[in-house]
């Protein structure tokens, strides 16, 4: 098997959990600390720690300690890598990938105008 598919599986398995997807959604708003993330989820602090460890080990999330608090943010390089990997799986040609990217950019511009 091509090694890239092993890497794809590693990354996607790290986010293949509803709580981890919600955590990423919270983090799209910017860097925040664990207690703030907990206000958005119905899980305990030890369960959050388990999910954050998995996301950090996959390098999808970055942790930064400041005193007693740990702040978390999305690793921008990995965000791009996840999107690129998904496009590689779903589109075999560069033209198909480019069309999806152009469509997403156009949609974002429309969303901004509508707001």
Protein backbone atom coordinates (compact mmCIF):
# COMPACT_ATOMS: atom_id res chain seq x y z
CA UNK A 1 0.00 0.00 0.00
CA UNK A 2 1.17 3.50 -0.79
CA UNK A 3 2.58 5.15 2.35
CA UNK A 4 0.55 8.30 1.72
CA UNK A 5 -2.66 6.39 2.43
CA UNK A 6 -1.26 5.30 5.78
CA UNK A 7 -0.61 8.96 6.58
CA UNK A 8 -4.11 9.92 5.39
CA UNK A 9 -5.62 7.28 7.67
CA UNK A 10 -3.55 8.47 10.64
CA UNK A 11 -4.71 12.05 10.24
CA UNK A 12 -8.34 11.27 9.52
CA UNK A 13 -8.59 8.78 12.39
CA UNK A 14 -7.43 11.56 14.74
CA UNK A 15 -10.49 13.61 13.81
CA UNK A 16 -12.91 10.71 13.35
CA UNK A 17 -14.79 11.42 16.55
CA UNK A 18 -17.74 13.80 17.04
CA UNK A 19 -16.17 15.43 20.10
CA UNK A 20 -12.89 16.05 18.28
CA UNK A 21 -14.75 17.59 15.38
CA UNK A 22 -16.59 19.88 17.80
CA UNK A 23 -13.27 20.81 19.42
CA UNK A 24 -11.88 21.75 16.00
CA UNK A 25 -15.00 23.78 15.33
CA UNK A 26 -14.48 25.70 18.58
CA UNK A 27 -10.82 26.26 17.69
CA UNK A 28 -11.72 27.78 14.31
CA UNK A 29 -12.71 30.85 16.34
CA UNK A 30 -9.10 31.18 17.52
CA UNK A 31 -6.80 30.11 20.31
CA UNK A 32 -8.55 29.24 23.55
CA UNK A 33 -8.01 27.36 26.78
CA UNK A 34 -9.41 24.01 27.91
CA UNK A 35 -12.09 25.41 30.23
CA UNK A 36 -13.56 27.42 27.37
CA UNK A 37 -13.61 24.36 25.10
CA UNK A 38 -15.45 22.44 27.83
CA UNK A 39 -18.30 24.99 27.79
CA UNK A 40 -19.10 23.87 24.24
CA UNK A 41 -19.04 20.13 24.92
CA UNK A 42 -20.85 17.74 27.23
CA UNK A 43 -17.74 15.87 28.38
CA UNK A 44 -15.54 15.78 31.48
CA UNK A 45 -12.14 17.44 31.79
CA UNK A 46 -10.29 14.08 31.69
CA UNK A 47 -12.17 13.15 28.50
CA UNK A 48 -11.23 16.50 26.96
CA UNK A 49 -7.59 15.87 27.89
CA UNK A 50 -7.76 12.50 26.11
CA UNK A 51 -9.12 14.13 22.94
CA UNK A 52 -6.65 17.01 23.08
CA UNK A 53 -3.76 14.57 23.46
CA UNK A 54 -4.86 12.71 20.31
CA UNK A 55 -5.25 15.96 18.34
CA UNK A 56 -1.88 17.26 19.54
CA UNK A 57 -0.09 13.96 18.81
CA UNK A 58 -1.47 14.09 15.27
CA UNK A 59 -0.13 17.69 15.13
CA UNK A 60 -3.58 18.97 14.15
CA UNK A 61 -3.76 21.08 17.31
CA UNK A 62 -0.95 23.01 18.99
CA UNK A 63 -0.78 23.43 22.77
CA UNK A 64 0.83 26.43 24.44
CA UNK A 65 1.24 26.60 28.20
CA UNK A 66 0.87 29.96 29.91
CA UNK A 67 1.13 29.70 33.67
CA UNK A 68 -1.44 27.16 34.83
CA UNK A 69 -3.49 27.28 31.64
CA UNK A 70 -2.93 25.43 28.42
CA UNK A 71 -4.05 27.26 25.31
CA UNK A 72 -4.94 25.36 22.15
CA UNK A 73 -5.09 26.38 18.51
CA UNK A 74 -5.37 24.71 15.14
CA UNK A 75 -2.06 24.04 13.42
CA UNK A 76 -2.58 25.97 10.18
CA UNK A 77 -0.13 23.78 8.23
CA UNK A 78 -2.06 20.67 9.24
CA UNK A 79 -5.40 22.30 8.41
CA UNK A 80 -4.10 22.79 4.87
CA UNK A 81 -2.65 19.28 4.82
CA UNK A 82 -5.99 17.74 5.82
CA UNK A 83 -7.77 19.63 3.06
CA UNK A 84 -5.09 18.72 0.52
CA UNK A 85 -5.24 15.06 1.54
CA UNK A 86 -9.01 14.97 1.14
CA UNK A 87 -8.73 16.54 -2.30
CA UNK A 88 -6.04 14.01 -3.27
CA UNK A 89 -8.40 11.19 -2.33
CA UNK A 90 -11.48 12.59 -4.03
CA UNK A 91 -9.91 14.13 -7.15
CA UNK A 92 -7.18 12.42 -9.12
CA UNK A 93 -6.50 15.31 -11.49
CA UNK A 94 -5.23 18.78 -10.68
CA UNK A 95 -8.05 20.39 -12.67
CA UNK A 96 -10.68 18.79 -10.44
CA UNK A 97 -8.87 20.00 -7.34
CA UNK A 98 -8.49 23.50 -8.76
CA UNK A 99 -12.21 23.63 -9.59
CA UNK A 100 -13.15 22.72 -6.02
CA UNK A 101 -10.77 25.32 -4.59
CA UNK A 102 -12.13 28.02 -6.93
CA UNK A 103 -15.70 27.11 -6.01
CA UNK A 104 -14.89 27.33 -2.29
CA UNK A 105 -13.26 30.75 -2.74
CA UNK A 106 -16.26 32.03 -4.68
CA UNK A 107 -18.63 30.72 -2.00
CA UNK A 108 -16.63 32.47 0.74
CA UNK A 109 -16.78 35.78 -1.14
CA UNK A 110 -20.54 35.39 -1.51
CA UNK A 111 -20.91 34.58 2.20
CA UNK A 112 -18.99 37.72 3.13
CA UNK A 113 -21.13 39.90 0.87
CA UNK A 114 -24.35 38.45 2.29
CA UNK A 115 -23.32 39.22 5.86
